[in-house]
Amino acid sequence: MAAIFISFSGIDGAGKSTQIQQLKSHLAEAGIPVREFTFWDDVVVWRRLRSGFSRRVLQSDGEVGTPEQPSERRDKNVQSWPLLLARCGLSLADTIRLRRVIRKAQSQASGVVIFDRYIYDQLAALPLDSRLARAFACSLLKLAPRLHISYLLDAVPEDARARKPEYPLEFMRRYRSSYLALRALAQLDLIPAGSPEDVHAAVLNRLQQYILKSTREAQLGSAVVA
């Protein structure tokens, strides 16, 4: 059976890392091979240049915030027309690179391939209440490879920021709204906010539904050929 490609998206503090680790442990116990890609490390172009720009020009501390040590990130929450145009160009370059990454993984991987963030997370940083931004997002979604399952982990912005204090609360609220708008454009699988256990159960249920559907379709195809 070909590898199943899935992704996890959502606002910072939604619990993506936690759910990815729980899913990986579950699959490992079942003897299913897993390969993980981190979008920032394995896909984006000019990663060091972009990090340097955020630190030196936007004055972002670039650290991962924790309740004990909050950080003050200044990157995707900084909005201006020059930055918007730059983000659009970089998102296009990331999507082209993503197509190559996916093709290579399809030829090598088996089991389940997990993407920690995907191009959706780049697009959610755009002002999707703008008609031009939505049109650009739709164009890029047509170019980006469609995965078998794309999870969108919803979260209450106040709770997410308490777990991972990095961005202003007002931005977190707008960011969540962008993800919900993107859900309709990209047909993402929304997982409602809840306890880690409830979210993990919902993630597994969606994966099991996909596997069951794929198995039935394969059996039907075999019956038709026979």
C-alpha atoms as a PDB file:
ATOM      1  CA  MET A   1       0.000   0.000   0.000  1.00  0.00           C
ATOM      2  CA  ALA A   2       1.318   3.472  -0.868  1.00  0.00           C
ATOM      3  CA  ALA A   3       2.276   5.818   1.935  1.00  0.00           C
ATOM      4  CA  ILE A   4      -0.425   7.969   3.530  1.00  0.00           C
ATOM      5  CA  PHE A   5       0.528  11.657   3.598  1.00  0.00           C
ATOM      6  CA  ILE A   6      -0.943  13.816   6.355  1.00  0.00           C
ATOM      7  CA  SER A   7      -0.268  17.270   7.773  1.00  0.00           C
ATOM      8  CA  PHE A   8      -0.963  19.142  11.001  1.00  0.00           C
ATOM      9  CA  SER A   9      -1.761  22.857  10.925  1.00  0.00           C
ATOM     10  CA  GLY A  10      -3.080  25.415  13.390  1.00  0.00           C
ATOM     11  CA  ILE A  11      -2.217  28.485  15.397  1.00  0.00           C
ATOM     12  CA  ASP A  12       0.816  28.442  17.678  1.00  0.00           C
ATOM     13  CA  GLY A  13      -0.100  26.639  20.883  1.00  0.00           C
ATOM     14  CA  ALA A  14      -2.826  24.525  19.281  1.00  0.00           C
ATOM     15  CA  GLY A  15      -0.985  21.330  20.241  1.00  0.00           C
ATOM     16  CA  LYS A  16       0.446  20.219  16.903  1.00  0.00           C
ATOM     17  CA  SER A  17       3.721  18.872  18.322  1.00  0.00           C
ATOM     18  CA  THR A  18       1.880  16.988  21.065  1.00  0.00           C
ATOM     19  CA  GLN A  19      -0.530  15.361  18.629  1.00  0.00           C
ATOM     20  CA  ILE A  20       2.225  14.451  16.176  1.00  0.00           C
ATOM     21  CA  GLN A  21       4.211  12.729  18.905  1.00  0.00           C
ATOM     22  CA  GLN A  22       1.141  10.853  20.151  1.00  0.00           C
ATOM     23  CA  LEU A  23       0.274   9.724  16.635  1.00  0.00           C
ATOM     24  CA  LYS A  24       3.853   8.624  15.964  1.00  0.00           C
ATOM     25  CA  SER A  25       3.845   6.571  19.176  1.00  0.00           C
ATOM     26  CA  HIS A  26       0.510   4.991  18.267  1.00  0.00           C
ATOM     27  CA  LEU A  27       1.711   4.059  14.786  1.00  0.00           C
ATOM     28  CA  ALA A  28       5.024   2.733  16.094  1.00  0.00           C
ATOM     29  CA  GLU A  29       3.178   0.443  18.510  1.00  0.00           C
ATOM     30  CA  ALA A  30       1.156  -0.848  15.548  1.00  0.00           C
ATOM     31  CA  GLY A  31       4.361  -1.513  13.599  1.00  0.00           C
ATOM     32  CA  ILE A  32       3.613   1.143  10.975  1.00  0.00           C
ATOM     33  CA  PRO A  33       6.673   3.039   9.672  1.00  0.00           C
ATOM     34  CA  VAL A  34       6.518   6.804  10.075  1.00  0.00           C
ATOM     35  CA  ARG A  35       8.506   9.587   8.465  1.00  0.00           C
ATOM     36  CA  GLU A  36       8.190  13.174   9.650  1.00  0.00           C
ATOM     37  CA  PHE A  37       8.908  16.414   7.801  1.00  0.00           C
ATOM     38  CA  THR A  38       9.059  19.771   9.549  1.00  0.00           C
ATOM     39  CA  PHE A  39       7.952  22.410   7.073  1.00  0.00           C
ATOM     40  CA  TRP A  40      10.369  25.082   8.299  1.00  0.00           C
ATOM     41  CA  ASP A  41      13.390  22.758   8.384  1.00  0.00           C
ATOM     42  CA  ASP A  42      12.713  20.481   5.416  1.00  0.00           C
ATOM     43  CA  VAL A  43      10.761  22.567   2.912  1.00  0.00           C
ATOM     44  CA  VAL A  44      11.091  26.347   3.103  1.00  0.00           C
ATOM     45  CA  VAL A  45      13.650  28.071   0.892  1.00  0.00           C
ATOM     46  CA  TRP A  46      16.348  30.428   2.233  1.00  0.00           C
ATOM     47  CA  ARG A  47      15.558  29.429   5.831  1.00  0.00           C
ATOM     48  CA  ARG A  48      18.628  31.067   7.392  1.00  0.00           C
ATOM     49  CA  LEU A  49      18.153  34.265   5.425  1.00  0.00           C
ATOM     50  CA  ARG A  50      14.541  34.498   6.545  1.00  0.00           C
ATOM     51  CA  SER A  51      15.439  33.841  10.186  1.00  0.00           C
ATOM     52  CA  GLY A  52      18.154  36.482  10.010  1.00  0.00           C
ATOM     53  CA  PHE A  53      15.735  39.015   8.528  1.00  0.00           C
ATOM     54  CA  SER A  54      13.252  38.435  11.353  1.00  0.00           C
ATOM     55  CA  ARG A  55      15.923  38.857  14.000  1.00  0.00           C
ATOM     56  CA  ARG A  56      17.856  41.790  12.566  1.00  0.00           C
ATOM     57  CA  VAL A  57      15.228  43.786  10.699  1.00  0.00           C
ATOM     58  CA  LEU A  58      11.943  42.950  12.461  1.00  0.00           C
ATOM     59  CA  GLN A  59      13.672  42.695  15.867  1.00  0.00           C
ATOM     60  CA  SER A  60      12.121  39.318  16.695  1.00  0.00           C
ATOM     61  CA  ASP A  61      13.770  37.357  19.496  1.00  0.00           C
ATOM     62  CA  GLY A  62      13.049  34.179  17.518  1.00  0.00           C
ATOM     63  CA  GLU A  63      12.625  32.026  20.621  1.00  0.00           C
ATOM     64  CA  VAL A  64       9.894  29.492  21.363  1.00  0.00           C
ATOM     65  CA  GLY A  65       7.780  30.950  24.135  1.00  0.00           C
ATOM     66  CA  THR A  66       6.827  28.992  27.250  1.00  0.00           C
ATOM     67  CA  PRO A  67       4.660  29.994  30.244  1.00  0.00           C
ATOM     68  CA  GLU A  68       7.861  30.270  32.275  1.00  0.00           C
ATOM     69  CA  GLN A  69       9.748  32.202  29.594  1.00  0.00           C
ATOM     70  CA  PRO A  70       7.466  34.208  27.276  1.00  0.00           C
ATOM     71  CA  SER A  71       8.984  35.474  24.060  1.00  0.00           C
ATOM     72  CA  GLU A  72       8.179  38.371  21.753  1.00  0.00           C
ATOM     73  CA  ARG A  73       8.054  37.169  18.178  1.00  0.00           C
ATOM     74  CA  ARG A  74       7.904  39.660  15.331  1.00  0.00           C
ATOM     75  CA  ASP A  75       7.563  37.891  12.004  1.00  0.00           C
ATOM     76  CA  LYS A  76       4.235  36.725  10.572  1.00  0.00           C
ATOM     77  CA  ASN A  77       2.352  39.127  12.884  1.00  0.00           C
ATOM     78  CA  VAL A  78       4.072  42.149  11.288  1.00  0.00           C
ATOM     79  CA  GLN A  79       1.959  43.390   8.408  1.00  0.00           C
ATOM     80  CA  SER A  80       2.903  45.792   5.603  1.00  0.00           C
ATOM     81  CA  TRP A  81       2.540  45.796   1.809  1.00  0.00           C
ATOM     82  CA  PRO A  82       6.253  45.162   1.145  1.00  0.00           C
ATOM     83  CA  LEU A  83       6.229  42.248   3.581  1.00  0.00           C
ATOM     84  CA  LEU A  84       2.999  40.907   2.087  1.00  0.00           C
ATOM     85  CA  LEU A  85       4.496  40.877  -1.397  1.00  0.00           C
ATOM     86  CA  ALA A  86       7.639  39.195  -0.057  1.00  0.00           C
ATOM     87  CA  ARG A  87       5.558  36.554   1.737  1.00  0.00           C
ATOM     88  CA  CYS A  88       3.615  35.824  -1.417  1.00  0.00           C
ATOM     89  CA  GLY A  89       6.832  35.342  -3.388  1.00  0.00           C
ATOM     90  CA  LEU A  90       8.343  33.139  -0.691  1.00  0.00           C
ATOM     91  CA  SER A  91       5.161  31.080  -0.424  1.00  0.00           C
ATOM     92  CA  LEU A  92       5.303  30.441  -4.162  1.00  0.00           C
ATOM     93  CA  ALA A  93       8.952  29.361  -3.887  1.00  0.00           C
ATOM     94  CA  ASP A  94       8.089  27.146  -0.900  1.00  0.00           C
ATOM     95  CA  THR A  95       5.278  25.499  -2.857  1.00  0.00           C
ATOM     96  CA  ILE A  96       7.571  24.708  -5.776  1.00  0.00           C
ATOM     97  CA  ARG A  97      10.107  23.215  -3.369  1.00  0.00           C
ATOM     98  CA  LEU A  98       7.299  21.316  -1.617  1.00  0.00           C
ATOM     99  CA  ARG A  99       6.325  19.604  -4.877  1.00  0.00           C
ATOM    100  CA  ARG A 100       9.866  18.231  -5.184  1.00  0.00           C
ATOM    101  CA  VAL A 101       9.909  17.091  -1.554  1.00  0.00           C
ATOM    102  CA  ILE A 102       6.591  15.273  -1.991  1.00  0.00           C
ATOM    103  CA  ARG A 103       7.673  13.556  -5.223  1.00  0.00           C
ATOM    104  CA  LYS A 104      10.856  12.294  -3.584  1.00  0.00           C
ATOM    105  CA  ALA A 105       9.009  11.081  -0.484  1.00  0.00           C
ATOM    106  CA  GLN A 106       6.424   9.270  -2.601  1.00  0.00           C
ATOM    107  CA  SER A 107       9.177   7.254  -4.246  1.00  0.00           C
ATOM    108  CA  GLN A 108      10.905   6.377  -0.969  1.00  0.00           C
ATOM    109  CA  ALA A 109       8.398   6.288   1.870  1.00  0.00           C
ATOM    110  CA  SER A 110       5.917   3.704   3.080  1.00  0.00           C
ATOM    111  CA  GLY A 111       3.500   3.714   5.995  1.00  0.00           C
ATOM    112  CA  VAL A 112       2.620   7.255   7.096  1.00  0.00           C
ATOM    113  CA  VAL A 113       4.361  10.513   6.198  1.00  0.00           C
ATOM    114  CA  ILE A 114       3.626  13.390   8.583  1.00  0.00           C
ATOM    115  CA  PHE A 115       4.157  17.078   7.850  1.00  0.00           C
ATOM    116  CA  ASP A 116       4.514  19.317  10.893  1.00  0.00           C
ATOM    117  CA  ARG A 117       2.884  22.384   9.295  1.00  0.00           C
ATOM    118  CA  TYR A 118       2.273  22.686   5.586  1.00  0.00           C
ATOM    119  CA  ILE A 119       1.810  25.416   2.980  1.00  0.00           C
ATOM    120  CA  TYR A 120      -1.533  26.141   4.661  1.00  0.00           C
ATOM    121  CA  ASP A 121       0.326  27.651   7.610  1.00  0.00           C
ATOM    122  CA  GLN A 122       2.146  30.040   5.292  1.00  0.00           C
ATOM    123  CA  LEU A 123      -1.105  31.096   3.654  1.00  0.00           C
ATOM    124  CA  ALA A 124      -2.881  31.602   6.981  1.00  0.00           C
ATOM    125  CA  ALA A 125      -0.431  34.413   7.741  1.00  0.00           C
ATOM    126  CA  LEU A 126      -1.823  36.359   4.772  1.00  0.00           C
ATOM    127  CA  PRO A 127      -4.755  38.792   5.228  1.00  0.00           C
ATOM    128  CA  LEU A 128      -7.364  36.410   3.834  1.00  0.00           C
ATOM    129  CA  ASP A 129     -10.115  38.962   4.374  1.00  0.00           C
ATOM    130  CA  SER A 130      -8.627  40.646   1.298  1.00  0.00           C
ATOM    131  CA  ARG A 131      -9.969  39.495  -2.073  1.00  0.00           C
ATOM    132  CA  LEU A 132      -6.511  39.658  -3.649  1.00  0.00           C
ATOM    133  CA  ALA A 133      -4.948  37.599  -0.861  1.00  0.00           C
ATOM    134  CA  ARG A 134      -7.690  34.969  -1.163  1.00  0.00           C
ATOM    135  CA  ALA A 135      -7.211  34.798  -4.925  1.00  0.00           C
ATOM    136  CA  PHE A 136      -3.484  34.278  -4.453  1.00  0.00           C
ATOM    137  CA  ALA A 137      -4.132  31.601  -1.834  1.00  0.00           C
ATOM    138  CA  CYS A 138      -6.511  29.753  -4.167  1.00  0.00           C
ATOM    139  CA  SER A 139      -3.914  29.829  -6.947  1.00  0.00           C
ATOM    140  CA  LEU A 140      -1.245  28.421  -4.666  1.00  0.00           C
ATOM    141  CA  LEU A 141      -3.558  25.713  -3.340  1.00  0.00           C
ATOM    142  CA  LYS A 142      -4.025  24.481  -6.910  1.00  0.00           C
ATOM    143  CA  LEU A 143      -0.256  24.251  -7.281  1.00  0.00           C
ATOM    144  CA  ALA A 144       0.448  22.609  -3.920  1.00  0.00           C
ATOM    145  CA  PRO A 145       0.233  18.799  -3.655  1.00  0.00           C
ATOM    146  CA  ARG A 146      -3.000  17.678  -1.985  1.00  0.00           C
ATOM    147  CA  LEU A 147      -2.389  15.320   0.926  1.00  0.00           C
ATOM    148  CA  HIS A 148      -4.597  12.430   1.970  1.00  0.00           C
ATOM    149  CA  ILE A 149      -5.476  14.068   5.309  1.00  0.00           C
ATOM    150  CA  SER A 150      -4.806  17.657   6.348  1.00  0.00           C
ATOM    151  CA  TYR A 151      -5.660  18.234   9.998  1.00  0.00           C
ATOM    152  CA  LEU A 152      -6.509  21.721  11.239  1.00  0.00           C
ATOM    153  CA  LEU A 153      -6.261  21.736  15.022  1.00  0.00           C
ATOM    154  CA  ASP A 154      -8.560  24.424  16.333  1.00  0.00           C
ATOM    155  CA  ALA A 155      -7.788  26.205  19.590  1.00  0.00           C
ATOM    156  CA  VAL A 156      -9.121  28.984  21.767  1.00  0.00           C
ATOM    157  CA  PRO A 157      -6.641  31.836  21.168  1.00  0.00           C
ATOM    158  CA  GLU A 158      -6.482  32.733  24.873  1.00  0.00           C
ATOM    159  CA  ASP A 159      -5.663  29.132  25.822  1.00  0.00           C
ATOM    160  CA  ALA A 160      -3.157  28.724  22.995  1.00  0.00           C
ATOM    161  CA  ARG A 161      -1.321  31.895  23.961  1.00  0.00           C
ATOM    162  CA  ALA A 162      -1.218  30.817  27.612  1.00  0.00           C
ATOM    163  CA  ARG A 163       0.546  27.608  26.525  1.00  0.00           C
ATOM    164  CA  LYS A 164       2.850  29.338  24.062  1.00  0.00           C
ATOM    165  CA  PRO A 165       3.138  33.083  24.740  1.00  0.00           C
ATOM    166  CA  GLU A 166       4.823  34.497  21.649  1.00  0.00           C
ATOM    167  CA  TYR A 167       2.372  36.709  19.753  1.00  0.00           C
ATOM    168  CA  PRO A 168      -0.161  39.386  20.833  1.00  0.00           C
ATOM    169  CA  LEU A 169      -3.617  38.040  21.598  1.00  0.00           C
ATOM    170  CA  GLU A 170      -5.287  40.194  18.944  1.00  0.00           C
ATOM    171  CA  PHE A 171      -3.031  38.657  16.289  1.00  0.00           C
ATOM    172  CA  MET A 172      -3.828  35.159  17.579  1.00  0.00           C
ATOM    173  CA  ARG A 173      -7.520  35.852  17.121  1.00  0.00           C
ATOM    174  CA  ARG A 174      -7.007  37.106  13.548  1.00  0.00           C
ATOM    175  CA  TYR A 175      -4.689  34.172  12.852  1.00  0.00           C
ATOM    176  CA  ARG A 176      -7.345  31.684  13.947  1.00  0.00           C
ATOM    177  CA  SER A 177      -9.920  33.423  11.734  1.00  0.00           C
ATOM    178  CA  SER A 178      -7.556  33.081   8.775  1.00  0.00           C
ATOM    179  CA  TYR A 179      -7.202  29.356   9.410  1.00  0.00           C
ATOM    180  CA  LEU A 180     -10.968  28.929   9.551  1.00  0.00           C
ATOM    181  CA  ALA A 181     -11.315  30.840   6.275  1.00  0.00           C
ATOM    182  CA  LEU A 182      -8.571  28.693   4.775  1.00  0.00           C
ATOM    183  CA  ARG A 183     -10.371  25.557   5.910  1.00  0.00           C
ATOM    184  CA  ALA A 184     -13.108  26.165   3.361  1.00  0.00           C
ATOM    185  CA  LEU A 185     -10.640  26.999   0.582  1.00  0.00           C
ATOM    186  CA  ALA A 186      -8.354  24.008   1.194  1.00  0.00           C
ATOM    187  CA  GLN A 187     -10.919  21.513   2.548  1.00  0.00           C
ATOM    188  CA  LEU A 188      -9.000  20.929   5.753  1.00  0.00           C
ATOM    189  CA  ASP A 189     -10.146  18.387   8.347  1.00  0.00           C
ATOM    190  CA  LEU A 190     -11.100  20.502  11.362  1.00  0.00           C
ATOM    191  CA  ILE A 191     -10.397  18.971  14.765  1.00  0.00           C
ATOM    192  CA  PRO A 192     -12.293  20.950  17.431  1.00  0.00           C
ATOM    193  CA  ALA A 193     -10.452  22.324  20.445  1.00  0.00           C
ATOM    194  CA  GLY A 194     -10.402  19.935  23.379  1.00  0.00           C
ATOM    195  CA  SER A 195      -8.217  18.016  25.773  1.00  0.00           C
ATOM    196  CA  PRO A 196      -5.104  16.334  24.316  1.00  0.00           C
ATOM    197  CA  GLU A 197      -6.825  12.977  24.771  1.00  0.00           C
ATOM    198  CA  ASP A 198      -9.986  14.042  22.946  1.00  0.00           C
ATOM    199  CA  VAL A 199      -8.000  15.610  20.103  1.00  0.00           C
ATOM    200  CA  HIS A 200      -5.846  12.475  19.765  1.00  0.00           C
ATOM    201  CA  ALA A 201      -8.990  10.323  19.589  1.00  0.00           C
ATOM    202  CA  ALA A 202     -10.417  12.562  16.850  1.00  0.00           C
ATOM    203  CA  VAL A 203      -7.144  12.418  14.898  1.00  0.00           C
ATOM    204  CA  LEU A 204      -7.089   8.610  15.079  1.00  0.00           C
ATOM    205  CA  ASN A 205     -10.755   8.363  14.127  1.00  0.00           C
ATOM    206  CA  ARG A 206     -10.224  10.439  10.985  1.00  0.00           C
ATOM    207  CA  LEU A 207      -7.179   8.371  10.015  1.00  0.00           C
ATOM    208  CA  GLN A 208      -9.053   5.121  10.558  1.00  0.00           C
ATOM    209  CA  GLN A 209     -11.945   6.396   8.432  1.00  0.00           C
ATOM    210  CA  TYR A 210      -9.550   7.183   5.604  1.00  0.00           C
ATOM    211  CA  ILE A 211      -7.863   3.764   5.806  1.00  0.00           C
ATOM    212  CA  LEU A 212     -11.220   1.980   5.865  1.00  0.00           C
ATOM    213  CA  LYS A 213     -12.469   3.954   2.870  1.00  0.00           C
ATOM    214  CA  SER A 214      -9.257   3.320   0.911  1.00  0.00           C
ATOM    215  CA  THR A 215      -9.431  -0.407   1.698  1.00  0.00           C
ATOM    216  CA  ARG A 216     -13.029  -0.638   0.501  1.00  0.00           C
ATOM    217  CA  GLU A 217     -12.229   1.220  -2.706  1.00  0.00           C
ATOM    218  CA  ALA A 218      -9.258  -1.075  -3.356  1.00  0.00           C
ATOM    219  CA  GLN A 219     -11.417  -4.153  -2.772  1.00  0.00           C
ATOM    220  CA  LEU A 220     -14.105  -2.770  -5.078  1.00  0.00           C
ATOM    221  CA  GLY A 221     -11.522  -2.091  -7.755  1.00  0.00           C
ATOM    222  CA  SER A 222     -10.177  -5.635  -7.474  1.00  0.00           C
ATOM    223  CA  ALA A 223     -13.692  -7.053  -7.737  1.00  0.00           C
ATOM    224  CA  VAL A 224     -14.397  -5.014 -10.876  1.00  0.00           C
ATOM    225  CA  VAL A 225     -11.142  -6.174 -12.504  1.00  0.00           C
ATOM    226  CA  ALA A 226     -11.865  -9.781 -11.587  1.00  0.00           C
END
